[in-house]
PDB file of N, CA and C in Angstrom:
ATOM      1  N   MET A   1     -33.265 -11.881  21.125  1.00  0.00           N
ATOM      2  CA  MET A   1     -33.972 -13.541  20.110  1.00  0.00           C
ATOM      3  C   MET A   1     -33.059 -12.981  19.090  1.00  0.00           C
ATOM      4  N   LYS A   2     -33.020 -12.260  18.303  1.00  0.00           N
ATOM      5  CA  LYS A   2     -32.716 -12.286  16.756  1.00  0.00           C
ATOM      6  C   LYS A   2     -30.903 -12.541  16.999  1.00  0.00           C
ATOM      7  N   ASN A   3     -30.320 -12.451  18.044  1.00  0.00           N
ATOM      8  CA  ASN A   3     -29.030 -12.540  17.970  1.00  0.00           C
ATOM      9  C   ASN A   3     -28.921 -14.342  18.822  1.00  0.00           C
ATOM     10  N   LEU A   4     -30.224 -14.869  18.906  1.00  0.00           N
ATOM     11  CA  LEU A   4     -30.092 -16.277  19.244  1.00  0.00           C
ATOM     12  C   LEU A   4     -28.962 -17.568  18.706  1.00  0.00           C
ATOM     13  N   ARG A   5     -28.537 -17.230  17.421  1.00  0.00           N
ATOM     14  CA  ARG A   5     -27.962 -18.194  16.172  1.00  0.00           C
ATOM     15  C   ARG A   5     -26.953 -18.352  16.451  1.00  0.00           C
ATOM     16  N   TYR A   6     -26.086 -16.893  17.041  1.00  0.00           N
ATOM     17  CA  TYR A   6     -24.861 -16.944  17.717  1.00  0.00           C
ATOM     18  C   TYR A   6     -24.626 -17.837  18.989  1.00  0.00           C
ATOM     19  N   ILE A   7     -25.598 -18.621  19.646  1.00  0.00           N
ATOM     20  CA  ILE A   7     -25.825 -19.673  20.445  1.00  0.00           C
ATOM     21  C   ILE A   7     -24.735 -20.561  19.875  1.00  0.00           C
ATOM     22  N   PHE A   8     -25.099 -20.549  19.289  1.00  0.00           N
ATOM     23  CA  PHE A   8     -24.453 -22.057  18.455  1.00  0.00           C
ATOM     24  C   PHE A   8     -23.324 -22.055  17.528  1.00  0.00           C
ATOM     25  N   LYS A   9     -22.890 -21.016  17.589  1.00  0.00           N
ATOM     26  CA  LYS A   9     -21.420 -20.736  16.989  1.00  0.00           C
ATOM     27  C   LYS A   9     -20.993 -20.200  17.526  1.00  0.00           C
ATOM     28  N   PRO A  10     -19.765 -21.083  18.180  1.00  0.00           N
ATOM     29  CA  PRO A  10     -18.777 -20.235  19.330  1.00  0.00           C
ATOM     30  C   PRO A  10     -17.630 -19.433  18.998  1.00  0.00           C
ATOM     31  N   ASN A  11     -17.471 -19.523  17.890  1.00  0.00           N
ATOM     32  CA  ASN A  11     -16.307 -18.507  17.182  1.00  0.00           C
ATOM     33  C   ASN A  11     -17.011 -16.653  17.557  1.00  0.00           C
ATOM     34  N   PHE A  12     -17.882 -16.382  17.705  1.00  0.00           N
ATOM     35  CA  PHE A  12     -18.831 -15.315  17.492  1.00  0.00           C
ATOM     36  C   PHE A  12     -18.863 -15.407  19.150  1.00  0.00           C
ATOM     37  N   TRP A  13     -18.686 -15.673  19.769  1.00  0.00           N
ATOM     38  CA  TRP A  13     -18.739 -15.496  21.194  1.00  0.00           C
ATOM     39  C   TRP A  13     -18.230 -14.466  21.937  1.00  0.00           C
ATOM     40  N   ILE A  14     -16.995 -14.372  21.375  1.00  0.00           N
ATOM     41  CA  ILE A  14     -15.818 -13.814  22.198  1.00  0.00           C
ATOM     42  C   ILE A  14     -15.755 -12.683  20.733  1.00  0.00           C
ATOM     43  N   MET A  15     -15.954 -11.157  21.108  1.00  0.00           N
ATOM     44  CA  MET A  15     -15.621 -10.109  20.236  1.00  0.00           C
ATOM     45  C   MET A  15     -14.374  -9.077  20.688  1.00  0.00           C
ATOM     46  N   ASN A  16     -13.713  -9.292  19.839  1.00  0.00           N
ATOM     47  CA  ASN A  16     -12.814  -7.909  20.618  1.00  0.00           C
ATOM     48  C   ASN A  16     -12.783  -6.886  21.002  1.00  0.00           C
ATOM     49  N   HIS A  17     -14.273  -6.018  19.971  1.00  0.00           N
ATOM     50  CA  HIS A  17     -14.510  -4.808  19.646  1.00  0.00           C
ATOM     51  C   HIS A  17     -15.616  -4.542  20.498  1.00  0.00           C
ATOM     52  N   GLN A  18     -16.194  -3.837  20.961  1.00  0.00           N
ATOM     53  CA  GLN A  18     -17.639  -3.340  21.609  1.00  0.00           C
ATOM     54  C   GLN A  18     -18.569  -2.885  20.563  1.00  0.00           C
ATOM     55  N   TYR A  19     -19.708  -3.504  20.371  1.00  0.00           N
ATOM     56  CA  TYR A  19     -20.723  -3.473  19.628  1.00  0.00           C
ATOM     57  C   TYR A  19     -21.269  -1.768  19.387  1.00  0.00           C
ATOM     58  N   ASP A  20     -21.544  -1.179  17.977  1.00  0.00           N
ATOM     59  CA  ASP A  20     -21.650   0.195  17.918  1.00  0.00           C
ATOM     60  C   ASP A  20     -22.867   0.378  16.606  1.00  0.00           C
ATOM     61  N   LYS A  21     -23.804   1.020  17.052  1.00  0.00           N
ATOM     62  CA  LYS A  21     -24.923   0.929  16.623  1.00  0.00           C
ATOM     63  C   LYS A  21     -24.574   1.620  15.180  1.00  0.00           C
ATOM     64  N   TRP A  22     -24.189   2.904  15.686  1.00  0.00           N
ATOM     65  CA  TRP A  22     -23.762   3.854  13.936  1.00  0.00           C
ATOM     66  C   TRP A  22     -22.498   2.975  12.532  1.00  0.00           C
ATOM     67  N   THR A  23     -21.835   2.541  13.261  1.00  0.00           N
ATOM     68  CA  THR A  23     -20.885   1.931  12.224  1.00  0.00           C
ATOM     69  C   THR A  23     -21.702   0.644  11.778  1.00  0.00           C
ATOM     70  N   ASP A  24     -22.684  -0.484  12.383  1.00  0.00           N
ATOM     71  CA  ASP A  24     -23.652  -1.459  12.154  1.00  0.00           C
ATOM     72  C   ASP A  24     -24.303  -0.784  10.828  1.00  0.00           C
ATOM     73  N   LYS A  25     -24.743   0.305  10.983  1.00  0.00           N
ATOM     74  CA  LYS A  25     -25.229   1.001   9.680  1.00  0.00           C
ATOM     75  C   LYS A  25     -24.703   1.466   8.791  1.00  0.00           C
ATOM     76  N   VAL A  26     -23.463   2.251   9.066  1.00  0.00           N
ATOM     77  CA  VAL A  26     -22.677   2.059   7.979  1.00  0.00           C
ATOM     78  C   VAL A  26     -22.326   1.351   6.941  1.00  0.00           C
ATOM     79  N   MET A  27     -21.704   0.154   7.644  1.00  0.00           N
ATOM     80  CA  MET A  27     -21.204  -1.119   6.963  1.00  0.00           C
ATOM     81  C   MET A  27     -22.553  -1.406   6.207  1.00  0.00           C
ATOM     82  N   ILE A  28     -23.510  -1.294   6.552  1.00  0.00           N
ATOM     83  CA  ILE A  28     -24.396  -2.071   6.073  1.00  0.00           C
ATOM     84  C   ILE A  28     -24.774  -1.183   5.066  1.00  0.00           C
ATOM     85  N   ASP A  29     -24.729   0.265   4.916  1.00  0.00           N
ATOM     86  CA  ASP A  29     -24.944   1.350   3.362  1.00  0.00           C
ATOM     87  C   ASP A  29     -23.585   1.132   2.789  1.00  0.00           C
ATOM     88  N   LEU A  30     -22.325   0.516   3.595  1.00  0.00           N
ATOM     89  CA  LEU A  30     -21.685   0.561   2.154  1.00  0.00           C
ATOM     90  C   LEU A  30     -21.062  -0.590   1.430  1.00  0.00           C
ATOM     91  N   LEU A  31     -21.339  -2.085   2.163  1.00  0.00           N
ATOM     92  CA  LEU A  31     -21.702  -3.178   1.984  1.00  0.00           C
ATOM     93  C   LEU A  31     -22.747  -3.417   0.249  1.00  0.00           C
ATOM     94  N   ARG A  32     -23.508  -2.371   0.901  1.00  0.00           N
ATOM     95  CA  ARG A  32     -25.185  -2.419  -0.307  1.00  0.00           C
ATOM     96  C   ARG A  32     -24.527  -1.776  -0.963  1.00  0.00           C
ATOM     97  N   ASP A  33     -23.677  -0.294  -1.354  1.00  0.00           N
ATOM     98  CA  ASP A  33     -22.988   0.268  -2.629  1.00  0.00           C
ATOM     99  C   ASP A  33     -21.955   0.095  -3.591  1.00  0.00           C
ATOM    100  N   TYR A  34     -21.264  -0.623  -2.118  1.00  0.00           N
ATOM    101  CA  TYR A  34     -19.865  -0.835  -3.032  1.00  0.00           C
ATOM    102  C   TYR A  34     -19.662  -2.216  -2.829  1.00  0.00           C
ATOM    103  N   ASP A  35     -18.238  -2.754  -3.449  1.00  0.00           N
ATOM    104  CA  ASP A  35     -17.751  -3.542  -3.584  1.00  0.00           C
ATOM    105  C   ASP A  35     -16.149  -3.497  -2.939  1.00  0.00           C
ATOM    106  N   PHE A  36     -15.764  -4.337  -2.457  1.00  0.00           N
ATOM    107  CA  PHE A  36     -14.308  -4.366  -1.203  1.00  0.00           C
ATOM    108  C   PHE A  36     -13.646  -4.105  -2.671  1.00  0.00           C
ATOM    109  N   GLU A  37     -12.191  -3.747  -2.696  1.00  0.00           N
ATOM    110  CA  GLU A  37     -11.346  -3.331  -3.327  1.00  0.00           C
ATOM    111  C   GLU A  37      -9.591  -3.033  -2.683  1.00  0.00           C
ATOM    112  N   ASP A  38      -8.582  -3.278  -3.867  1.00  0.00           N
ATOM    113  CA  ASP A  38      -7.556  -3.424  -2.998  1.00  0.00           C
ATOM    114  C   ASP A  38      -7.173  -4.180  -1.607  1.00  0.00           C
ATOM    115  N   ILE A  39      -7.916  -5.400  -2.065  1.00  0.00           N
ATOM    116  CA  ILE A  39      -7.755  -6.340  -0.702  1.00  0.00           C
ATOM    117  C   ILE A  39      -6.191  -7.001  -0.911  1.00  0.00           C
ATOM    118  N   LYS A  40      -6.124  -6.918   0.672  1.00  0.00           N
ATOM    119  CA  LYS A  40      -4.731  -7.313   1.381  1.00  0.00           C
ATOM    120  C   LYS A  40      -4.633  -8.508   1.754  1.00  0.00           C
ATOM    121  N   THR A  41      -3.801  -8.846   2.785  1.00  0.00           N
ATOM    122  CA  THR A  41      -3.774  -9.812   3.559  1.00  0.00           C
ATOM    123  C   THR A  41      -4.658  -9.086   4.916  1.00  0.00           C
ATOM    124  N   TYR A  42      -4.468  -8.179   5.463  1.00  0.00           N
ATOM    125  CA  TYR A  42      -4.856  -7.629   6.377  1.00  0.00           C
ATOM    126  C   TYR A  42      -6.260  -6.760   6.498  1.00  0.00           C
ATOM    127  N   THR A  43      -6.297  -5.845   5.410  1.00  0.00           N
ATOM    128  CA  THR A  43      -7.903  -5.641   4.996  1.00  0.00           C
ATOM    129  C   THR A  43      -7.366  -4.920   3.374  1.00  0.00           C
ATOM    130  N   ALA A  44      -8.461  -3.999   3.470  1.00  0.00           N
ATOM    131  CA  ALA A  44      -9.365  -4.473   2.381  1.00  0.00           C
ATOM    132  C   ALA A  44     -10.021  -2.713   2.207  1.00  0.00           C
ATOM    133  N   CYS A  45     -10.259  -2.040   0.969  1.00  0.00           N
ATOM    134  CA  CYS A  45     -11.138  -0.734   1.392  1.00  0.00           C
ATOM    135  C   CYS A  45     -12.302  -1.018   0.412  1.00  0.00           C
ATOM    136  N   LEU A  46     -13.481  -0.483   1.160  1.00  0.00           N
ATOM    137  CA  LEU A  46     -14.750  -0.817   0.826  1.00  0.00           C
ATOM    138  C   LEU A  46     -15.132   0.537   0.668  1.00  0.00           C
ATOM    139  N   GLY A  47     -16.213   1.525  -0.032  1.00  0.00           N
ATOM    140  CA  GLY A  47     -16.217   2.848  -0.210  1.00  0.00           C
ATOM    141  C   GLY A  47     -14.908   3.702   0.301  1.00  0.00           C
ATOM    142  N   GLY A  48     -14.059   3.626  -0.052  1.00  0.00           N
ATOM    143  CA  GLY A  48     -12.908   4.212   0.149  1.00  0.00           C
ATOM    144  C   GLY A  48     -12.422   4.735   1.546  1.00  0.00           C
ATOM    145  N   PHE A  49     -13.224   3.134   2.648  1.00  0.00           N
ATOM    146  CA  PHE A  49     -12.626   3.659   3.979  1.00  0.00           C
ATOM    147  C   PHE A  49     -11.883   2.368   3.839  1.00  0.00           C
ATOM    148  N   GLU A  50     -10.933   1.978   4.469  1.00  0.00           N
ATOM    149  CA  GLU A  50      -9.374   0.894   5.158  1.00  0.00           C
ATOM    150  C   GLU A  50     -10.499   0.078   6.327  1.00  0.00           C
ATOM    151  N   ILE A  51     -10.477  -1.447   5.682  1.00  0.00           N
ATOM    152  CA  ILE A  51     -11.247  -2.007   6.570  1.00  0.00           C
ATOM    153  C   ILE A  51     -10.546  -3.300   7.224  1.00  0.00           C
ATOM    154  N   TRP A  52     -10.356  -3.529   8.817  1.00  0.00           N
ATOM    155  CA  TRP A  52      -9.348  -4.715   8.918  1.00  0.00           C
ATOM    156  C   TRP A  52     -10.525  -5.465   8.615  1.00  0.00           C
ATOM    157  N   THR A  53      -9.895  -6.592   7.858  1.00  0.00           N
ATOM    158  CA  THR A  53     -10.262  -8.378   7.582  1.00  0.00           C
ATOM    159  C   THR A  53      -9.980  -9.056   8.090  1.00  0.00           C
ATOM    160  N   SER A  54      -8.807  -9.477   8.762  1.00  0.00           N
ATOM    161  CA  SER A  54      -8.400 -10.147   9.006  1.00  0.00           C
ATOM    162  C   SER A  54      -8.500 -10.621  10.461  1.00  0.00           C
ATOM    163  N   ASN A  55      -8.469 -11.643  10.967  1.00  0.00           N
ATOM    164  CA  ASN A  55      -9.083 -12.892  12.488  1.00  0.00           C
ATOM    165  C   ASN A  55     -10.347 -12.431  12.855  1.00  0.00           C
ATOM    166  N   TYR A  56     -11.223 -13.125  12.033  1.00  0.00           N
ATOM    167  CA  TYR A  56     -12.342 -12.998  11.437  1.00  0.00           C
ATOM    168  C   TYR A  56     -12.431 -13.945  12.509  1.00  0.00           C
ATOM    169  N   PRO A  57     -13.675 -14.642  12.630  1.00  0.00           N
ATOM    170  CA  PRO A  57     -14.470 -13.257  13.437  1.00  0.00           C
ATOM    171  C   PRO A  57     -14.161 -12.100  14.438  1.00  0.00           C
ATOM    172  N   TYR A  58     -13.460 -12.443  15.205  1.00  0.00           N
ATOM    173  CA  TYR A  58     -13.430 -12.030  16.734  1.00  0.00           C
ATOM    174  C   TYR A  58     -13.232 -10.152  16.501  1.00  0.00           C
ATOM    175  N   ALA A  59     -12.214  -9.853  15.676  1.00  0.00           N
ATOM    176  CA  ALA A  59     -11.580  -8.446  15.218  1.00  0.00           C
ATOM    177  C   ALA A  59     -11.893  -8.151  14.328  1.00  0.00           C
ATOM    178  N   SER A  60     -12.347  -9.247  13.294  1.00  0.00           N
ATOM    179  CA  SER A  60     -12.319  -8.417  11.909  1.00  0.00           C
ATOM    180  C   SER A  60     -14.237  -7.637  11.614  1.00  0.00           C
ATOM    181  N   MET A  61     -13.676  -7.181  10.479  1.00  0.00           N
ATOM    182  CA  MET A  61     -14.718  -6.005   9.591  1.00  0.00           C
ATOM    183  C   MET A  61     -15.144  -4.710  10.042  1.00  0.00           C
ATOM    184  N   VAL A  62     -13.831  -3.926  11.222  1.00  0.00           N
ATOM    185  CA  VAL A  62     -14.240  -2.918  11.768  1.00  0.00           C
ATOM    186  C   VAL A  62     -13.052  -1.589  10.824  1.00  0.00           C
ATOM    187  N   PHE A  63     -13.306  -0.771  11.059  1.00  0.00           N
ATOM    188  CA  PHE A  63     -12.876   0.663  10.594  1.00  0.00           C
ATOM    189  C   PHE A  63     -11.646   0.739  10.864  1.00  0.00           C
ATOM    190  N   TYR A  64     -10.058   0.500  10.468  1.00  0.00           N
ATOM    191  CA  TYR A  64      -8.932   0.573  10.597  1.00  0.00           C
ATOM    192  C   TYR A  64      -8.444   1.789  11.508  1.00  0.00           C
ATOM    193  N   GLY A  65      -8.302   0.985  12.700  1.00  0.00           N
ATOM    194  CA  GLY A  65      -8.029   1.977  13.708  1.00  0.00           C
ATOM    195  C   GLY A  65      -8.658   2.455  14.564  1.00  0.00           C
ATOM    196  N   SER A  66     -10.423   1.315  14.062  1.00  0.00           N
ATOM    197  CA  SER A  66     -11.885   2.079  15.436  1.00  0.00           C
ATOM    198  C   SER A  66     -11.932   1.043  16.134  1.00  0.00           C
ATOM    199  N   ASN A  67     -12.405   0.782  17.593  1.00  0.00           N
ATOM    200  CA  ASN A  67     -12.555   0.207  18.574  1.00  0.00           C
ATOM    201  C   ASN A  67     -14.268  -0.330  18.623  1.00  0.00           C
ATOM    202  N   LEU A  68     -14.510  -0.149  17.940  1.00  0.00           N
ATOM    203  CA  LEU A  68     -15.925  -0.057  17.552  1.00  0.00           C
ATOM    204  C   LEU A  68     -16.501  -0.883  15.820  1.00  0.00           C
ATOM    205  N   ARG A  69     -16.993  -2.033  16.336  1.00  0.00           N
ATOM    206  CA  ARG A  69     -17.351  -3.519  15.041  1.00  0.00           C
ATOM    207  C   ARG A  69     -18.824  -3.187  15.081  1.00  0.00           C
ATOM    208  N   PRO A  70     -19.203  -3.604  13.513  1.00  0.00           N
ATOM    209  CA  PRO A  70     -20.389  -3.619  13.416  1.00  0.00           C
ATOM    210  C   PRO A  70     -21.419  -5.022  14.201  1.00  0.00           C
ATOM    211  N   SER A  71     -22.149  -5.157  14.030  1.00  0.00           N
ATOM    212  CA  SER A  71     -23.264  -6.857  14.362  1.00  0.00           C
ATOM    213  C   SER A  71     -22.532  -7.774  13.686  1.00  0.00           C
ATOM    214  N   ARG A  72     -22.886  -9.000  15.049  1.00  0.00           N
ATOM    215  CA  ARG A  72     -22.431 -10.435  14.401  1.00  0.00           C
ATOM    216  C   ARG A  72     -22.955 -10.456  13.004  1.00  0.00           C
ATOM    217  N   LYS A  73     -24.204 -10.158  13.089  1.00  0.00           N
ATOM    218  CA  LYS A  73     -24.819 -10.414  11.302  1.00  0.00           C
ATOM    219  C   LYS A  73     -24.148  -9.432  10.354  1.00  0.00           C
ATOM    220  N   THR A  74     -23.892  -8.530  10.469  1.00  0.00           N
ATOM    221  CA  THR A  74     -23.125  -7.495   8.958  1.00  0.00           C
ATOM    222  C   THR A  74     -21.819  -7.779   9.130  1.00  0.00           C
ATOM    223  N   ILE A  75     -21.083  -8.623  10.289  1.00  0.00           N
ATOM    224  CA  ILE A  75     -19.497  -9.072  10.083  1.00  0.00           C
ATOM    225  C   ILE A  75     -19.585 -10.111   8.884  1.00  0.00           C
ATOM    226  N   GLU A  76     -20.944 -11.963   9.773  1.00  0.00           N
ATOM    227  CA  GLU A  76     -21.044 -12.687   8.381  1.00  0.00           C
ATOM    228  C   GLU A  76     -21.085 -12.275   7.711  1.00  0.00           C
ATOM    229  N   LEU A  77     -21.838 -10.907   7.134  1.00  0.00           N
ATOM    230  CA  LEU A  77     -22.192 -10.608   5.779  1.00  0.00           C
ATOM    231  C   LEU A  77     -21.094 -10.069   5.308  1.00  0.00           C
ATOM    232  N   ALA A  78     -20.643  -9.068   6.327  1.00  0.00           N
ATOM    233  CA  ALA A  78     -19.256  -8.637   5.242  1.00  0.00           C
ATOM    234  C   ALA A  78     -18.030  -9.519   4.378  1.00  0.00           C
ATOM    235  N   TYR A  79     -18.402 -10.739   5.990  1.00  0.00           N
ATOM    236  CA  TYR A  79     -16.697 -11.667   5.100  1.00  0.00           C
ATOM    237  C   TYR A  79     -17.334 -12.464   4.387  1.00  0.00           C
ATOM    238  N   LYS A  80     -18.668 -13.044   3.907  1.00  0.00           N
ATOM    239  CA  LYS A  80     -19.061 -13.549   2.731  1.00  0.00           C
ATOM    240  C   LYS A  80     -19.084 -12.781   1.291  1.00  0.00           C
ATOM    241  N   LYS A  81     -19.538 -11.355   1.733  1.00  0.00           N
ATOM    242  CA  LYS A  81     -18.928 -10.360   0.728  1.00  0.00           C
ATOM    243  C   LYS A  81     -17.679 -10.588   0.163  1.00  0.00           C
ATOM    244  N   LEU A  82     -16.637 -10.105   0.847  1.00  0.00           N
ATOM    245  CA  LEU A  82     -15.664 -10.130   0.913  1.00  0.00           C
ATOM    246  C   LEU A  82     -15.079 -11.177   0.333  1.00  0.00           C
ATOM    247  N   ASN A  83     -14.930 -12.653   0.500  1.00  0.00           N
ATOM    248  CA  ASN A  83     -14.324 -13.929  -0.143  1.00  0.00           C
ATOM    249  C   ASN A  83     -15.229 -13.600  -1.683  1.00  0.00           C
ATOM    250  N   LYS A  84     -16.419 -13.151  -1.839  1.00  0.00           N
ATOM    251  CA  LYS A  84     -17.179 -12.857  -3.137  1.00  0.00           C
ATOM    252  C   LYS A  84     -15.962 -12.026  -3.917  1.00  0.00           C
ATOM    253  N   ASP A  85     -16.146 -10.794  -3.375  1.00  0.00           N
ATOM    254  CA  ASP A  85     -15.527  -9.702  -4.102  1.00  0.00           C
ATOM    255  C   ASP A  85     -13.951 -10.315  -4.729  1.00  0.00           C
ATOM    256  N   LYS A  86     -13.608 -11.284  -3.923  1.00  0.00           N
ATOM    257  CA  LYS A  86     -12.151 -11.810  -4.077  1.00  0.00           C
ATOM    258  C   LYS A  86     -12.164 -12.359  -5.196  1.00  0.00           C
ATOM    259  N   ILE A  87     -12.711 -13.150  -5.442  1.00  0.00           N
ATOM    260  CA  ILE A  87     -13.104 -14.465  -6.563  1.00  0.00           C
ATOM    261  C   ILE A  87     -13.029 -13.355  -7.916  1.00  0.00           C
ATOM    262  N   GLU A  88     -14.448 -12.450  -7.724  1.00  0.00           N
ATOM    263  CA  GLU A  88     -14.566 -11.699  -8.535  1.00  0.00           C
ATOM    264  C   GLU A  88     -13.183 -10.743  -9.139  1.00  0.00           C
ATOM    265  N   LEU A  89     -12.907 -10.188  -8.311  1.00  0.00           N
ATOM    266  CA  LEU A  89     -11.071  -9.583  -8.694  1.00  0.00           C
ATOM    267  C   LEU A  89     -10.095 -10.908  -9.676  1.00  0.00           C
ATOM    268  N   MET A  90     -10.034 -12.177  -8.881  1.00  0.00           N
ATOM    269  CA  MET A  90      -9.203 -12.670  -9.612  1.00  0.00           C
ATOM    270  C   MET A  90      -9.831 -13.511 -10.681  1.00  0.00           C
ATOM    271  N   ARG A  91     -11.381 -13.141 -11.123  1.00  0.00           N
ATOM    272  CA  ARG A  91     -11.582 -13.825 -12.470  1.00  0.00           C
ATOM    273  C   ARG A  91     -11.172 -12.745 -13.437  1.00  0.00           C
ATOM    274  N   LYS A  92     -10.694 -11.235 -13.030  1.00  0.00           N
ATOM    275  CA  LYS A  92     -10.547 -10.371 -14.218  1.00  0.00           C
ATOM    276  C   LYS A  92      -9.047 -10.985 -14.903  1.00  0.00           C
TER     277      LYS A  92
END
């Protein structure tokens, strides 16, 4: 029931990687404690981990080289934080 909102978001219907609960928990902790740094075209660093940020939402916000992804909700939150952090870096 909590993923009902994604029925109305066709971009989230097909995801390239398998959901993993542990990956989701780690990503949430990283998002809470760190900001995105070293933002490049396809990747960014978050708490010392390289995160694949391209191809949103189908394959983004996974640990670089991993085939496991966080939840759709966490992917959305991470993407919003990435964009916010990009703006903050441009202001500096």
